[in-house]
Amino acid sequence: MLIKRIAKQIMDAEWVARVVEVLDRRSDNRMTELGMLSQAFEFAKINEVPGDYFEFGLWRGKTFGYAHRMKRRYGRRDMKLWGFDSFQGLPATEKHPDNIWYEGQFACARPEFEAILASRGIRTSEYELIEGFYSDSLNDATHRRLSGRKAAVIYIDCDLYESTIQVLNFIQPYIVNGSIICFDDFYNYKGDPEQGEQRALADFMRQETHLGFIPYLDYAPLGKSFICRLK
């Protein structure tokens, strides 16, 4: 019986993925993007933070798919996953000596993205995709679509200042006490606070003084997360 139980565990993809995640984090003594999501979902469970999962910048669904796994692990049956992406890659990028991005980078067509999710056992009823560049898609119609929703975990992987500030302005109504916001490229541009996601958050904080952002965890080579508080 013991041998059968061990064999079943080895064949269990969820168990294997968890072992790989733990070993990866411990192997080089850092927290990965997936480890960050695990922490965020556990934080939301312990603190009973209500709401859905919002991700901006999906590419091929690595973090989006893992968020689905965390939703199941922590029993968030009513949580909807919301994905926002142009599916055409990045828009035109900032001209700056430290800019490493280019227009069209990270493109993944929507049918291909949906096929990736299906291959991971993610049902279409568990997620919604909002397609388009943020200057077009983050509009009143999308707000109506999200009416009554809140955000427990927000993952921002927009890379660019312009995209990130558009996202922050859009998500403001969905933030609750305890919402976790993760910035995947916070320390990009060689850590320059006047560029990219860092600059966008600083500008947003000056604008929305009723919101507080408590530094939470740094992760991967460039990421940083915050706990949101309503003042």
C-alpha atoms as a PDB file:
ATOM      1  CA  MET A   1       0.000   0.000   0.000  1.00  0.00           C
ATOM      2  CA  LEU A   2       2.813   2.383   0.847  1.00  0.00           C
ATOM      3  CA  ILE A   3       4.469   1.812  -2.533  1.00  0.00           C
ATOM      4  CA  LYS A   4       1.161   2.442  -4.329  1.00  0.00           C
ATOM      5  CA  ARG A   5       0.629   5.643  -2.358  1.00  0.00           C
ATOM      6  CA  ILE A   6       4.111   6.898  -3.222  1.00  0.00           C
ATOM      7  CA  ALA A   7       3.618   6.000  -6.885  1.00  0.00           C
ATOM      8  CA  LYS A   8       0.321   7.888  -6.943  1.00  0.00           C
ATOM      9  CA  GLN A   9       1.985  10.961  -5.464  1.00  0.00           C
ATOM     10  CA  ILE A  10       4.739  10.846  -8.052  1.00  0.00           C
ATOM     11  CA  MET A  11       2.149  10.725 -10.826  1.00  0.00           C
ATOM     12  CA  ASP A  12       0.143  13.557  -9.310  1.00  0.00           C
ATOM     13  CA  ALA A  13       1.021  16.650 -11.375  1.00  0.00           C
ATOM     14  CA  GLU A  14      -0.059  19.031  -8.632  1.00  0.00           C
ATOM     15  CA  TRP A  15       2.238  17.341  -6.115  1.00  0.00           C
ATOM     16  CA  VAL A  16       5.171  17.291  -8.547  1.00  0.00           C
ATOM     17  CA  ALA A  17       4.666  20.968  -9.393  1.00  0.00           C
ATOM     18  CA  ARG A  18       4.654  21.845  -5.699  1.00  0.00           C
ATOM     19  CA  VAL A  19       7.903  19.936  -5.100  1.00  0.00           C
ATOM     20  CA  VAL A  20       9.538  21.643  -8.090  1.00  0.00           C
ATOM     21  CA  GLU A  21       8.402  25.034  -6.823  1.00  0.00           C
ATOM     22  CA  VAL A  22       9.827  24.442  -3.341  1.00  0.00           C
ATOM     23  CA  LEU A  23      13.114  23.056  -4.667  1.00  0.00           C
ATOM     24  CA  ASP A  24      13.450  25.939  -7.101  1.00  0.00           C
ATOM     25  CA  ARG A  25      12.970  28.520  -4.359  1.00  0.00           C
ATOM     26  CA  ARG A  26      15.449  26.809  -2.070  1.00  0.00           C
ATOM     27  CA  SER A  27      18.057  25.990  -4.706  1.00  0.00           C
ATOM     28  CA  ASP A  28      19.198  29.585  -5.171  1.00  0.00           C
ATOM     29  CA  ASN A  29      17.675  31.108  -2.029  1.00  0.00           C
ATOM     30  CA  ARG A  30      15.249  33.393  -3.843  1.00  0.00           C
ATOM     31  CA  MET A  31      11.513  33.613  -4.362  1.00  0.00           C
ATOM     32  CA  THR A  32      10.232  33.107  -7.899  1.00  0.00           C
ATOM     33  CA  GLU A  33       7.133  34.629  -9.507  1.00  0.00           C
ATOM     34  CA  LEU A  34       5.251  31.438  -8.668  1.00  0.00           C
ATOM     35  CA  GLY A  35       6.423  31.550  -5.076  1.00  0.00           C
ATOM     36  CA  MET A  36       5.170  35.131  -4.865  1.00  0.00           C
ATOM     37  CA  LEU A  37       1.728  34.074  -6.044  1.00  0.00           C
ATOM     38  CA  SER A  38       1.676  31.252  -3.519  1.00  0.00           C
ATOM     39  CA  GLN A  39       2.443  33.744  -0.745  1.00  0.00           C
ATOM     40  CA  ALA A  40      -0.182  36.200  -2.012  1.00  0.00           C
ATOM     41  CA  PHE A  41      -2.945  33.592  -2.114  1.00  0.00           C
ATOM     42  CA  GLU A  42      -2.029  32.265   1.324  1.00  0.00           C
ATOM     43  CA  PHE A  43      -2.019  35.837   2.672  1.00  0.00           C
ATOM     44  CA  ALA A  44      -5.496  36.368   1.184  1.00  0.00           C
ATOM     45  CA  LYS A  45      -6.759  33.146   2.758  1.00  0.00           C
ATOM     46  CA  ILE A  46      -5.353  33.840   6.228  1.00  0.00           C
ATOM     47  CA  ASN A  47      -6.640  37.423   6.212  1.00  0.00           C
ATOM     48  CA  GLU A  48      -9.947  36.587   4.488  1.00  0.00           C
ATOM     49  CA  VAL A  49      -9.347  39.139   1.743  1.00  0.00           C
ATOM     50  CA  PRO A  50     -12.322  39.014  -0.642  1.00  0.00           C
ATOM     51  CA  GLY A  51     -12.162  39.293  -4.395  1.00  0.00           C
ATOM     52  CA  ASP A  52     -10.891  37.925  -7.677  1.00  0.00           C
ATOM     53  CA  TYR A  53      -7.522  37.594  -9.384  1.00  0.00           C
ATOM     54  CA  PHE A  54      -6.561  40.268 -11.925  1.00  0.00           C
ATOM     55  CA  GLU A  55      -3.536  39.866 -14.201  1.00  0.00           C
ATOM     56  CA  PHE A  56      -2.288  42.475 -16.651  1.00  0.00           C
ATOM     57  CA  GLY A  57       0.183  41.146 -19.218  1.00  0.00           C
ATOM     58  CA  LEU A  58      -0.415  37.440 -19.825  1.00  0.00           C
ATOM     59  CA  TRP A  59       2.064  36.315 -22.488  1.00  0.00           C
ATOM     60  CA  ARG A  60       1.854  32.472 -22.465  1.00  0.00           C
ATOM     61  CA  GLY A  61       0.009  32.086 -19.178  1.00  0.00           C
ATOM     62  CA  LYS A  62       2.739  30.960 -16.783  1.00  0.00           C
ATOM     63  CA  THR A  63       1.567  33.086 -13.851  1.00  0.00           C
ATOM     64  CA  PHE A  64      -2.094  33.083 -14.910  1.00  0.00           C
ATOM     65  CA  GLY A  65      -2.135  29.285 -14.949  1.00  0.00           C
ATOM     66  CA  TYR A  66      -0.385  29.134 -11.593  1.00  0.00           C
ATOM     67  CA  ALA A  67      -2.917  31.551 -10.105  1.00  0.00           C
ATOM     68  CA  HIS A  68      -5.580  29.049 -11.127  1.00  0.00           C
ATOM     69  CA  ARG A  69      -3.681  26.344  -9.262  1.00  0.00           C
ATOM     70  CA  MET A  70      -3.516  28.570  -6.167  1.00  0.00           C
ATOM     71  CA  LYS A  71      -7.232  29.345  -6.446  1.00  0.00           C
ATOM     72  CA  ARG A  72      -7.932  25.622  -6.189  1.00  0.00           C
ATOM     73  CA  ARG A  73      -5.338  24.965  -3.508  1.00  0.00           C
ATOM     74  CA  TYR A  74      -6.766  27.610  -1.192  1.00  0.00           C
ATOM     75  CA  GLY A  75     -10.404  26.780  -1.859  1.00  0.00           C
ATOM     76  CA  ARG A  76     -11.351  30.018  -3.640  1.00  0.00           C
ATOM     77  CA  ARG A  77     -14.204  28.417  -5.583  1.00  0.00           C
ATOM     78  CA  ASP A  78     -15.975  31.706  -6.265  1.00  0.00           C
ATOM     79  CA  MET A  79     -12.833  33.511  -7.410  1.00  0.00           C
ATOM     80  CA  LYS A  80     -12.822  34.513 -11.070  1.00  0.00           C
ATOM     81  CA  LEU A  81      -9.538  34.954 -12.929  1.00  0.00           C
ATOM     82  CA  TRP A  82      -9.473  38.103 -15.079  1.00  0.00           C
ATOM     83  CA  GLY A  83      -6.790  38.394 -17.743  1.00  0.00           C
ATOM     84  CA  PHE A  84      -5.999  41.623 -19.594  1.00  0.00           C
ATOM     85  CA  ASP A  85      -3.795  41.561 -22.684  1.00  0.00           C
ATOM     86  CA  SER A  86      -3.590  42.888 -26.226  1.00  0.00           C
ATOM     87  CA  PHE A  87      -2.496  39.436 -27.486  1.00  0.00           C
ATOM     88  CA  GLN A  88      -0.352  41.462 -29.907  1.00  0.00           C
ATOM     89  CA  GLY A  89       2.627  42.011 -27.637  1.00  0.00           C
ATOM     90  CA  LEU A  90       3.824  45.299 -26.197  1.00  0.00           C
ATOM     91  CA  PRO A  91       2.684  48.617 -27.653  1.00  0.00           C
ATOM     92  CA  ALA A  92       5.199  51.175 -28.893  1.00  0.00           C
ATOM     93  CA  THR A  93       7.830  51.527 -26.160  1.00  0.00           C
ATOM     94  CA  GLU A  94       9.502  54.418 -24.385  1.00  0.00           C
ATOM     95  CA  LYS A  95      12.718  55.753 -25.892  1.00  0.00           C
ATOM     96  CA  HIS A  96      15.261  55.496 -23.094  1.00  0.00           C
ATOM     97  CA  PRO A  97      18.858  54.222 -22.932  1.00  0.00           C
ATOM     98  CA  ASP A  98      17.908  51.560 -20.367  1.00  0.00           C
ATOM     99  CA  ASN A  99      14.802  50.355 -22.223  1.00  0.00           C
ATOM    100  CA  ILE A 100      15.098  46.675 -23.176  1.00  0.00           C
ATOM    101  CA  TRP A 101      11.572  46.303 -24.611  1.00  0.00           C
ATOM    102  CA  TYR A 102      10.346  46.555 -28.189  1.00  0.00           C
ATOM    103  CA  GLU A 103       6.986  46.807 -29.913  1.00  0.00           C
ATOM    104  CA  GLY A 104       5.308  43.428 -30.393  1.00  0.00           C
ATOM    105  CA  GLN A 105       7.419  41.670 -27.746  1.00  0.00           C
ATOM    106  CA  PHE A 106       5.561  38.949 -25.772  1.00  0.00           C
ATOM    107  CA  ALA A 107       2.885  38.466 -28.426  1.00  0.00           C
ATOM    108  CA  CYS A 108       0.723  35.362 -28.074  1.00  0.00           C
ATOM    109  CA  ALA A 109      -2.469  35.082 -30.123  1.00  0.00           C
ATOM    110  CA  ARG A 110      -5.633  34.640 -28.092  1.00  0.00           C
ATOM    111  CA  PRO A 111      -6.540  31.204 -29.558  1.00  0.00           C
ATOM    112  CA  GLU A 112      -3.067  29.938 -28.661  1.00  0.00           C
ATOM    113  CA  PHE A 113      -3.360  31.361 -25.146  1.00  0.00           C
ATOM    114  CA  GLU A 114      -6.764  29.751 -24.633  1.00  0.00           C
ATOM    115  CA  ALA A 115      -5.397  26.431 -25.898  1.00  0.00           C
ATOM    116  CA  ILE A 116      -2.592  26.640 -23.327  1.00  0.00           C
ATOM    117  CA  LEU A 117      -5.129  27.170 -20.543  1.00  0.00           C
ATOM    118  CA  ALA A 118      -7.246  24.265 -21.780  1.00  0.00           C
ATOM    119  CA  SER A 119      -4.181  21.995 -21.793  1.00  0.00           C
ATOM    120  CA  ARG A 120      -3.763  22.808 -18.096  1.00  0.00           C
ATOM    121  CA  GLY A 121      -7.315  21.845 -17.258  1.00  0.00           C
ATOM    122  CA  ILE A 122      -8.572  25.396 -16.783  1.00  0.00           C
ATOM    123  CA  ARG A 123     -12.251  25.660 -17.677  1.00  0.00           C
ATOM    124  CA  THR A 124     -13.508  28.672 -19.617  1.00  0.00           C
ATOM    125  CA  SER A 125     -16.076  29.296 -16.873  1.00  0.00           C
ATOM    126  CA  GLU A 126     -13.236  30.018 -14.433  1.00  0.00           C
ATOM    127  CA  TYR A 127     -11.734  32.983 -16.259  1.00  0.00           C
ATOM    128  CA  GLU A 128     -12.518  36.014 -18.392  1.00  0.00           C
ATOM    129  CA  LEU A 129     -10.210  37.657 -20.914  1.00  0.00           C
ATOM    130  CA  ILE A 130     -10.298  41.365 -21.736  1.00  0.00           C
ATOM    131  CA  GLU A 131      -8.591  41.817 -25.091  1.00  0.00           C
ATOM    132  CA  GLY A 132      -6.963  44.986 -26.378  1.00  0.00           C
ATOM    133  CA  PHE A 133      -4.291  47.555 -25.656  1.00  0.00           C
ATOM    134  CA  TYR A 134      -5.059  49.172 -22.309  1.00  0.00           C
ATOM    135  CA  SER A 135      -5.639  52.598 -23.827  1.00  0.00           C
ATOM    136  CA  ASP A 136      -8.622  51.012 -25.597  1.00  0.00           C
ATOM    137  CA  SER A 137      -9.778  48.153 -23.364  1.00  0.00           C
ATOM    138  CA  LEU A 138      -9.690  49.683 -19.864  1.00  0.00           C
ATOM    139  CA  ASN A 139     -12.855  51.653 -20.410  1.00  0.00           C
ATOM    140  CA  ASP A 140     -16.375  52.176 -19.063  1.00  0.00           C
ATOM    141  CA  ALA A 141     -17.638  49.036 -20.789  1.00  0.00           C
ATOM    142  CA  THR A 142     -15.039  46.955 -18.940  1.00  0.00           C
ATOM    143  CA  HIS A 143     -15.943  48.640 -15.651  1.00  0.00           C
ATOM    144  CA  ARG A 144     -19.566  47.641 -16.252  1.00  0.00           C
ATOM    145  CA  ARG A 145     -18.426  44.089 -16.951  1.00  0.00           C
ATOM    146  CA  LEU A 146     -16.599  44.087 -13.603  1.00  0.00           C
ATOM    147  CA  SER A 147     -19.464  45.665 -11.671  1.00  0.00           C
ATOM    148  CA  GLY A 148     -19.564  44.406  -8.087  1.00  0.00           C
ATOM    149  CA  ARG A 149     -16.155  42.733  -8.328  1.00  0.00           C
ATOM    150  CA  LYS A 150     -13.169  43.273  -6.036  1.00  0.00           C
ATOM    151  CA  ALA A 151      -9.523  42.268  -6.402  1.00  0.00           C
ATOM    152  CA  ALA A 152      -7.793  40.097  -3.802  1.00  0.00           C
ATOM    153  CA  VAL A 153      -4.603  39.607  -5.846  1.00  0.00           C
ATOM    154  CA  ILE A 154      -3.412  41.824  -8.708  1.00  0.00           C
ATOM    155  CA  TYR A 155      -0.447  40.839 -10.868  1.00  0.00           C
ATOM    156  CA  ILE A 156       0.977  43.607 -13.066  1.00  0.00           C
ATOM    157  CA  ASP A 157       3.458  42.573 -15.746  1.00  0.00           C
ATOM    158  CA  CYS A 158       3.188  45.584 -18.043  1.00  0.00           C
ATOM    159  CA  ASP A 159       6.878  46.543 -18.202  1.00  0.00           C
ATOM    160  CA  LEU A 160       6.173  50.083 -19.466  1.00  0.00           C
ATOM    161  CA  TYR A 161       5.261  53.243 -17.568  1.00  0.00           C
ATOM    162  CA  GLU A 162       2.365  54.152 -19.864  1.00  0.00           C
ATOM    163  CA  SER A 163       0.726  50.731 -19.611  1.00  0.00           C
ATOM    164  CA  THR A 164       1.242  50.486 -15.845  1.00  0.00           C
ATOM    165  CA  ILE A 165      -0.238  53.890 -15.012  1.00  0.00           C
ATOM    166  CA  GLN A 166      -3.281  53.041 -17.141  1.00  0.00           C
ATOM    167  CA  VAL A 167      -3.697  49.800 -15.190  1.00  0.00           C
ATOM    168  CA  LEU A 168      -3.343  51.475 -11.791  1.00  0.00           C
ATOM    169  CA  ASN A 169      -5.905  54.135 -12.649  1.00  0.00           C
ATOM    170  CA  PHE A 170      -8.263  51.406 -13.832  1.00  0.00           C
ATOM    171  CA  ILE A 171      -8.005  49.062 -10.824  1.00  0.00           C
ATOM    172  CA  GLN A 172      -8.476  51.712  -8.155  1.00  0.00           C
ATOM    173  CA  PRO A 173     -12.209  50.929  -7.608  1.00  0.00           C
ATOM    174  CA  TYR A 174     -11.485  47.212  -7.099  1.00  0.00           C
ATOM    175  CA  ILE A 175      -8.828  47.534  -4.394  1.00  0.00           C
ATOM    176  CA  VAL A 176      -9.831  46.479  -0.871  1.00  0.00           C
ATOM    177  CA  ASN A 177      -8.002  46.403   2.447  1.00  0.00           C
ATOM    178  CA  GLY A 178      -5.449  43.633   2.064  1.00  0.00           C
ATOM    179  CA  SER A 179      -5.345  43.482  -1.728  1.00  0.00           C
ATOM    180  CA  ILE A 180      -1.906  42.300  -2.830  1.00  0.00           C
ATOM    181  CA  ILE A 181      -0.389  44.049  -5.856  1.00  0.00           C
ATOM    182  CA  CYS A 182       2.616  42.397  -7.495  1.00  0.00           C
ATOM    183  CA  PHE A 183       4.810  44.309  -9.951  1.00  0.00           C
ATOM    184  CA  ASP A 184       6.775  41.844 -12.052  1.00  0.00           C
ATOM    185  CA  ASP A 185       9.292  44.395 -13.397  1.00  0.00           C
ATOM    186  CA  PHE A 186       9.437  46.922 -10.570  1.00  0.00           C
ATOM    187  CA  TYR A 187      13.250  47.124 -10.549  1.00  0.00           C
ATOM    188  CA  ASN A 188      13.722  47.220 -14.298  1.00  0.00           C
ATOM    189  CA  TYR A 189      15.555  50.095 -16.020  1.00  0.00           C
ATOM    190  CA  LYS A 190      18.504  49.329 -13.717  1.00  0.00           C
ATOM    191  CA  GLY A 191      16.334  50.241 -10.738  1.00  0.00           C
ATOM    192  CA  ASP A 192      15.688  53.808 -11.962  1.00  0.00           C
ATOM    193  CA  PRO A 193      12.697  55.130  -9.932  1.00  0.00           C
ATOM    194  CA  GLU A 194      11.891  57.575 -12.731  1.00  0.00           C
ATOM    195  CA  GLN A 195      11.084  54.796 -15.198  1.00  0.00           C
ATOM    196  CA  GLY A 196       8.604  51.995 -15.743  1.00  0.00           C
ATOM    197  CA  GLU A 197       6.499  50.455 -12.993  1.00  0.00           C
ATOM    198  CA  GLN A 198       8.301  52.290 -10.171  1.00  0.00           C
ATOM    199  CA  ARG A 199       7.498  55.674 -11.654  1.00  0.00           C
ATOM    200  CA  ALA A 200       3.902  54.648 -12.360  1.00  0.00           C
ATOM    201  CA  LEU A 201       3.298  53.599  -8.749  1.00  0.00           C
ATOM    202  CA  ALA A 202       4.883  56.787  -7.386  1.00  0.00           C
ATOM    203  CA  ASP A 203       2.681  58.946  -9.625  1.00  0.00           C
ATOM    204  CA  PHE A 204      -0.404  56.931  -8.692  1.00  0.00           C
ATOM    205  CA  MET A 205       0.304  57.248  -4.956  1.00  0.00           C
ATOM    206  CA  ARG A 206       0.587  61.029  -5.265  1.00  0.00           C
ATOM    207  CA  GLN A 207      -2.738  61.071  -7.081  1.00  0.00           C
ATOM    208  CA  GLU A 208      -4.687  58.607  -4.898  1.00  0.00           C
ATOM    209  CA  THR A 209      -3.791  59.741  -1.385  1.00  0.00           C
ATOM    210  CA  HIS A 210      -6.588  57.656   0.153  1.00  0.00           C
ATOM    211  CA  LEU A 211      -4.658  54.481  -0.719  1.00  0.00           C
ATOM    212  CA  GLY A 212      -1.660  53.181   1.194  1.00  0.00           C
ATOM    213  CA  PHE A 213       0.892  50.705  -0.158  1.00  0.00           C
ATOM    214  CA  ILE A 214       2.806  48.716   2.450  1.00  0.00           C
ATOM    215  CA  PRO A 215       5.964  47.085   1.018  1.00  0.00           C
ATOM    216  CA  TYR A 216       5.513  43.318   1.250  1.00  0.00           C
ATOM    217  CA  LEU A 217       7.918  40.966  -0.579  1.00  0.00           C
ATOM    218  CA  ASP A 218      10.608  41.275  -3.226  1.00  0.00           C
ATOM    219  CA  TYR A 219      10.735  38.337  -5.632  1.00  0.00           C
ATOM    220  CA  ALA A 220      12.555  37.014  -8.691  1.00  0.00           C
ATOM    221  CA  PRO A 221      15.218  39.394 -10.036  1.00  0.00           C
ATOM    222  CA  LEU A 222      12.962  42.416 -10.621  1.00  0.00           C
ATOM    223  CA  GLY A 223       9.654  41.994  -8.784  1.00  0.00           C
ATOM    224  CA  LYS A 224       8.150  43.719  -5.750  1.00  0.00           C
ATOM    225  CA  SER A 225       4.774  43.395  -4.037  1.00  0.00           C
ATOM    226  CA  PHE A 226       2.668  45.612  -1.785  1.00  0.00           C
ATOM    227  CA  ILE A 227      -0.259  45.237   0.609  1.00  0.00           C
ATOM    228  CA  CYS A 228      -2.961  47.817  -0.072  1.00  0.00           C
ATOM    229  CA  ARG A 229      -4.717  49.744   2.670  1.00  0.00           C
ATOM    230  CA  LEU A 230      -7.631  52.150   2.380  1.00  0.00           C
ATOM    231  CA  LYS A 231      -6.993  55.238   4.506  1.00  0.00           C
END
